[in-house]
Amino acid sequence: MSASNKAAERHLLVTIRSQFAHRSRVQEILLELVDLVRAEPGCLYYHLFQQAEESEAFVLAAAWANEEAVAAHPTPAQARLVEQMLPLLAAPMQVLPIRRLSENQA
């Protein structure tokens, strides 16, 4: 990947903490989002993780090819899922914009 393409990429780490009683439903919603977001033009990756020691804590790792792809996100279907999830959270989602410094391994 050329340096100019790497510079255009937009990466995010998002931490989501559900209320303990709603962790299963939050996980279901997040998994629904995975397929929707991965289908977006310009989505490079969209992965869901769960913290090993805290089942109510999730992390999304996401990337888009450029700012235009980010601007097209989220779709109305994704926004509806997030709206359903918000009342089930223990804290606001934390979004951390990051930059990729290393090259991809082939």
N, C-alpha and C. Protein backbone atom coordinates (compact mmCIF):
# COMPACT_ATOMS: atom_id res chain seq x y z
N MET A 1 0.86 -1.18 0.00
CA MET A 1 0.00 0.00 0.00
C MET A 1 0.90 1.23 0.00
N SER A 2 0.59 2.19 -0.82
CA SER A 2 1.43 3.38 -0.89
C SER A 2 1.20 4.26 0.32
N ALA A 3 2.18 5.12 0.58
CA ALA A 3 2.09 6.01 1.74
C ALA A 3 0.88 6.92 1.63
N SER A 4 0.55 7.38 0.42
CA SER A 4 -0.60 8.28 0.28
C SER A 4 -1.90 7.57 0.63
N ASN A 5 -2.04 6.28 0.26
CA ASN A 5 -3.24 5.54 0.63
C ASN A 5 -3.30 5.31 2.14
N LYS A 6 -2.16 4.98 2.74
CA LYS A 6 -2.11 4.78 4.19
C LYS A 6 -2.50 6.07 4.90
N ALA A 7 -2.05 7.20 4.39
CA ALA A 7 -2.37 8.48 5.02
C ALA A 7 -3.86 8.80 4.91
N ALA A 8 -4.52 8.31 3.87
CA ALA A 8 -5.94 8.58 3.67
C ALA A 8 -6.83 7.71 4.55
N GLU A 9 -6.31 6.58 4.99
CA GLU A 9 -7.11 5.65 5.80
C GLU A 9 -7.60 6.30 7.09
N ARG A 10 -8.77 5.87 7.55
CA ARG A 10 -9.33 6.34 8.81
C ARG A 10 -9.61 5.12 9.67
N HIS A 11 -8.97 5.04 10.84
CA HIS A 11 -9.09 3.90 11.76
C HIS A 11 -9.71 4.37 13.07
N LEU A 12 -10.48 3.48 13.68
CA LEU A 12 -11.11 3.77 14.97
C LEU A 12 -11.04 2.55 15.87
N LEU A 13 -10.86 2.81 17.14
CA LEU A 13 -11.10 1.82 18.19
C LEU A 13 -12.26 2.36 19.02
N VAL A 14 -13.28 1.55 19.20
CA VAL A 14 -14.47 1.99 19.94
C VAL A 14 -14.68 1.02 21.10
N THR A 15 -14.75 1.56 22.30
CA THR A 15 -15.01 0.76 23.49
C THR A 15 -16.47 0.90 23.87
N ILE A 16 -17.13 -0.22 24.05
CA ILE A 16 -18.55 -0.26 24.41
C ILE A 16 -18.68 -1.09 25.68
N ARG A 17 -19.33 -0.53 26.68
CA ARG A 17 -19.54 -1.24 27.94
C ARG A 17 -21.04 -1.35 28.19
N SER A 18 -21.55 -2.57 28.13
CA SER A 18 -22.98 -2.79 28.34
C SER A 18 -23.29 -2.87 29.83
N GLN A 19 -24.55 -2.67 30.16
CA GLN A 19 -25.00 -3.01 31.49
C GLN A 19 -24.90 -4.53 31.58
N PHE A 20 -24.50 -5.05 32.73
CA PHE A 20 -24.26 -6.48 32.87
C PHE A 20 -25.46 -7.31 32.42
N ALA A 21 -26.65 -6.88 32.81
CA ALA A 21 -27.86 -7.65 32.49
C ALA A 21 -28.18 -7.66 30.99
N HIS A 22 -27.60 -6.72 30.24
CA HIS A 22 -27.92 -6.59 28.81
C HIS A 22 -26.75 -6.97 27.90
N ARG A 23 -25.73 -7.61 28.44
CA ARG A 23 -24.54 -7.90 27.63
C ARG A 23 -24.83 -8.78 26.43
N SER A 24 -25.72 -9.75 26.57
CA SER A 24 -26.04 -10.63 25.44
C SER A 24 -26.72 -9.87 24.31
N ARG A 25 -27.66 -9.01 24.66
CA ARG A 25 -28.36 -8.23 23.63
C ARG A 25 -27.41 -7.24 22.97
N VAL A 26 -26.56 -6.60 23.75
CA VAL A 26 -25.58 -5.68 23.16
C VAL A 26 -24.67 -6.44 22.21
N GLN A 27 -24.22 -7.60 22.59
CA GLN A 27 -23.37 -8.40 21.71
C GLN A 27 -24.11 -8.75 20.41
N GLU A 28 -25.38 -9.12 20.50
CA GLU A 28 -26.17 -9.43 19.31
C GLU A 28 -26.24 -8.23 18.37
N ILE A 29 -26.50 -7.06 18.93
CA ILE A 29 -26.60 -5.84 18.12
C ILE A 29 -25.25 -5.55 17.47
N LEU A 30 -24.18 -5.66 18.23
CA LEU A 30 -22.85 -5.38 17.68
C LEU A 30 -22.51 -6.36 16.55
N LEU A 31 -22.88 -7.62 16.70
CA LEU A 31 -22.62 -8.59 15.64
C LEU A 31 -23.46 -8.30 14.40
N GLU A 32 -24.67 -7.78 14.58
CA GLU A 32 -25.47 -7.36 13.43
C GLU A 32 -24.78 -6.21 12.69
N LEU A 33 -24.18 -5.31 13.44
CA LEU A 33 -23.48 -4.18 12.83
C LEU A 33 -22.29 -4.63 12.00
N VAL A 34 -21.62 -5.69 12.43
CA VAL A 34 -20.42 -6.16 11.72
C VAL A 34 -20.74 -6.41 10.25
N ASP A 35 -21.76 -7.19 9.97
CA ASP A 35 -22.08 -7.50 8.57
C ASP A 35 -22.51 -6.26 7.80
N LEU A 36 -23.28 -5.39 8.44
CA LEU A 36 -23.74 -4.18 7.76
C LEU A 36 -22.57 -3.27 7.40
N VAL A 37 -21.67 -3.06 8.34
CA VAL A 37 -20.56 -2.14 8.10
C VAL A 37 -19.56 -2.73 7.11
N ARG A 38 -19.28 -4.02 7.23
CA ARG A 38 -18.34 -4.64 6.29
C ARG A 38 -18.81 -4.53 4.84
N ALA A 39 -20.10 -4.41 4.62
CA ALA A 39 -20.64 -4.30 3.26
C ALA A 39 -20.50 -2.88 2.69
N GLU A 40 -20.11 -1.91 3.52
CA GLU A 40 -19.98 -0.53 3.05
C GLU A 40 -18.81 -0.40 2.08
N PRO A 41 -19.00 0.40 1.02
CA PRO A 41 -17.86 0.70 0.15
C PRO A 41 -16.77 1.41 0.95
N GLY A 42 -15.55 0.98 0.79
CA GLY A 42 -14.43 1.62 1.48
C GLY A 42 -14.13 1.07 2.85
N CYS A 43 -14.93 0.13 3.36
CA CYS A 43 -14.62 -0.47 4.66
C CYS A 43 -13.43 -1.42 4.48
N LEU A 44 -12.37 -1.17 5.21
CA LEU A 44 -11.18 -2.02 5.14
C LEU A 44 -11.28 -3.19 6.10
N TYR A 45 -11.81 -2.94 7.29
CA TYR A 45 -12.07 -4.01 8.26
C TYR A 45 -13.01 -3.48 9.32
N TYR A 46 -13.68 -4.40 9.97
CA TYR A 46 -14.59 -4.07 11.06
C TYR A 46 -14.67 -5.32 11.92
N HIS A 47 -14.00 -5.30 13.05
CA HIS A 47 -13.89 -6.48 13.91
C HIS A 47 -14.43 -6.17 15.30
N LEU A 48 -15.13 -7.15 15.86
CA LEU A 48 -15.67 -7.03 17.21
C LEU A 48 -14.90 -7.94 18.14
N PHE A 49 -14.49 -7.40 19.28
CA PHE A 49 -13.78 -8.15 20.31
C PHE A 49 -14.54 -8.00 21.62
N GLN A 50 -14.36 -8.98 22.50
CA GLN A 50 -14.90 -8.92 23.85
C GLN A 50 -13.72 -9.05 24.81
N GLN A 51 -13.70 -8.21 25.83
CA GLN A 51 -12.61 -8.29 26.80
C GLN A 51 -12.68 -9.64 27.50
N ALA A 52 -11.53 -10.27 27.65
CA ALA A 52 -11.45 -11.62 28.20
C ALA A 52 -11.95 -11.69 29.64
N GLU A 53 -11.69 -10.68 30.42
CA GLU A 53 -12.02 -10.72 31.85
C GLU A 53 -13.34 -10.02 32.20
N GLU A 54 -13.91 -9.30 31.23
CA GLU A 54 -15.14 -8.56 31.48
C GLU A 54 -16.10 -8.78 30.32
N SER A 55 -17.05 -9.67 30.49
CA SER A 55 -17.94 -10.04 29.38
C SER A 55 -18.84 -8.91 28.92
N GLU A 56 -18.97 -7.86 29.70
CA GLU A 56 -19.81 -6.74 29.29
C GLU A 56 -19.03 -5.65 28.55
N ALA A 57 -17.74 -5.86 28.34
CA ALA A 57 -16.89 -4.86 27.67
C ALA A 57 -16.50 -5.36 26.27
N PHE A 58 -16.78 -4.54 25.28
CA PHE A 58 -16.51 -4.87 23.89
C PHE A 58 -15.62 -3.79 23.26
N VAL A 59 -14.88 -4.19 22.24
CA VAL A 59 -14.06 -3.24 21.48
C VAL A 59 -14.30 -3.50 20.00
N LEU A 60 -14.59 -2.45 19.27
CA LEU A 60 -14.68 -2.51 17.81
C LEU A 60 -13.41 -1.91 17.24
N ALA A 61 -12.81 -2.59 16.29
CA ALA A 61 -11.68 -2.06 15.53
C ALA A 61 -12.17 -1.90 14.10
N ALA A 62 -12.08 -0.69 13.58
CA ALA A 62 -12.66 -0.41 12.27
C ALA A 62 -11.75 0.48 11.45
N ALA A 63 -11.86 0.34 10.13
CA ALA A 63 -11.09 1.21 9.24
C ALA A 63 -11.82 1.39 7.92
N TRP A 64 -11.65 2.58 7.38
CA TRP A 64 -12.19 2.92 6.07
C TRP A 64 -11.05 3.46 5.21
N ALA A 65 -11.20 3.33 3.91
CA ALA A 65 -10.15 3.70 2.96
C ALA A 65 -9.85 5.19 2.97
N ASN A 66 -10.87 6.01 3.26
CA ASN A 66 -10.67 7.46 3.20
C ASN A 66 -11.82 8.18 3.90
N GLU A 67 -11.73 9.49 3.93
CA GLU A 67 -12.72 10.31 4.62
C GLU A 67 -14.09 10.20 3.96
N GLU A 68 -14.13 10.04 2.64
CA GLU A 68 -15.41 9.91 1.94
C GLU A 68 -16.15 8.65 2.40
N ALA A 69 -15.42 7.56 2.59
CA ALA A 69 -16.05 6.32 3.06
C ALA A 69 -16.58 6.49 4.48
N VAL A 70 -15.84 7.22 5.31
CA VAL A 70 -16.31 7.49 6.68
C VAL A 70 -17.57 8.34 6.64
N ALA A 71 -17.61 9.32 5.75
CA ALA A 71 -18.78 10.22 5.66
C ALA A 71 -20.05 9.46 5.30
N ALA A 72 -19.93 8.35 4.58
CA ALA A 72 -21.09 7.56 4.20
C ALA A 72 -21.55 6.63 5.32
N HIS A 73 -20.82 6.59 6.41
CA HIS A 73 -21.11 5.74 7.56
C HIS A 73 -21.66 6.62 8.67
N PRO A 74 -22.65 6.27 9.42
CA PRO A 74 -23.42 5.04 9.36
C PRO A 74 -24.62 5.18 8.43
N THR A 75 -25.13 4.06 8.01
CA THR A 75 -26.35 4.02 7.22
C THR A 75 -27.55 4.11 8.16
N PRO A 76 -28.74 4.37 7.64
CA PRO A 76 -29.91 4.41 8.52
C PRO A 76 -30.14 3.11 9.29
N ALA A 77 -29.90 1.97 8.66
CA ALA A 77 -30.08 0.69 9.37
C ALA A 77 -29.11 0.58 10.53
N GLN A 78 -27.88 1.02 10.34
CA GLN A 78 -26.89 0.98 11.42
C GLN A 78 -27.28 1.94 12.53
N ALA A 79 -27.74 3.11 12.17
CA ALA A 79 -28.14 4.10 13.17
C ALA A 79 -29.28 3.57 14.04
N ARG A 80 -30.22 2.86 13.43
CA ARG A 80 -31.34 2.28 14.21
C ARG A 80 -30.82 1.26 15.22
N LEU A 81 -29.87 0.44 14.81
CA LEU A 81 -29.31 -0.55 15.74
C LEU A 81 -28.59 0.14 16.90
N VAL A 82 -27.83 1.16 16.60
CA VAL A 82 -27.12 1.89 17.66
C VAL A 82 -28.12 2.54 18.61
N GLU A 83 -29.19 3.11 18.08
CA GLU A 83 -30.23 3.71 18.94
C GLU A 83 -30.84 2.67 19.87
N GLN A 84 -31.04 1.44 19.39
CA GLN A 84 -31.57 0.37 20.24
C GLN A 84 -30.58 0.00 21.34
N MET A 85 -29.30 0.11 21.03
CA MET A 85 -28.26 -0.32 21.96
C MET A 85 -27.98 0.72 23.06
N LEU A 86 -28.09 1.99 22.76
CA LEU A 86 -27.69 3.05 23.70
C LEU A 86 -28.29 2.91 25.09
N PRO A 87 -29.59 2.62 25.24
CA PRO A 87 -30.14 2.50 26.60
C PRO A 87 -29.62 1.28 27.37
N LEU A 88 -28.96 0.36 26.68
CA LEU A 88 -28.46 -0.86 27.30
C LEU A 88 -27.01 -0.73 27.78
N LEU A 89 -26.43 0.44 27.55
CA LEU A 89 -25.02 0.65 27.89
C LEU A 89 -24.86 1.18 29.30
N ALA A 90 -23.74 0.82 29.91
CA ALA A 90 -23.41 1.30 31.27
C ALA A 90 -22.71 2.65 31.22
N ALA A 91 -22.14 2.99 30.06
CA ALA A 91 -21.40 4.25 29.91
C ALA A 91 -21.44 4.63 28.44
N PRO A 92 -21.19 5.90 28.12
CA PRO A 92 -21.13 6.29 26.71
C PRO A 92 -20.00 5.54 25.99
N MET A 93 -20.21 5.28 24.71
CA MET A 93 -19.16 4.66 23.90
C MET A 93 -17.96 5.60 23.84
N GLN A 94 -16.78 5.03 23.87
CA GLN A 94 -15.54 5.81 23.75
C GLN A 94 -14.94 5.54 22.39
N VAL A 95 -14.75 6.60 21.61
CA VAL A 95 -14.22 6.48 20.25
C VAL A 95 -12.82 7.07 20.23
N LEU A 96 -11.88 6.25 19.78
CA LEU A 96 -10.47 6.67 19.71
C LEU A 96 -10.01 6.62 18.26
N PRO A 97 -9.89 7.77 17.60
CA PRO A 97 -9.34 7.78 16.24
C PRO A 97 -7.84 7.46 16.32
N ILE A 98 -7.38 6.58 15.43
CA ILE A 98 -5.97 6.18 15.42
C ILE A 98 -5.44 6.21 13.99
N ARG A 99 -4.11 6.23 13.86
CA ARG A 99 -3.45 6.18 12.54
C ARG A 99 -2.62 4.92 12.47
N ARG A 100 -2.61 4.29 11.30
CA ARG A 100 -1.77 3.11 11.09
C ARG A 100 -0.39 3.59 10.70
N LEU A 101 0.62 3.11 11.43
CA LEU A 101 2.01 3.46 11.15
C LEU A 101 2.75 2.35 10.44
N SER A 102 2.41 1.10 10.75
CA SER A 102 3.11 -0.03 10.16
C SER A 102 2.49 -0.40 8.82
N GLU A 103 3.24 -1.16 8.05
CA GLU A 103 2.73 -1.65 6.76
C GLU A 103 2.00 -2.96 6.97
N ASN A 104 1.07 -3.28 6.08
CA ASN A 104 0.37 -4.56 6.12
C ASN A 104 1.33 -5.67 5.66
N GLN A 105 1.23 -6.80 6.31
CA GLN A 105 2.01 -7.97 5.89
C GLN A 105 1.23 -8.69 4.79
N ALA A 106 1.90 -9.11 3.75
CA ALA A 106 1.23 -9.82 2.65
C ALA A 106 1.15 -11.31 2.96
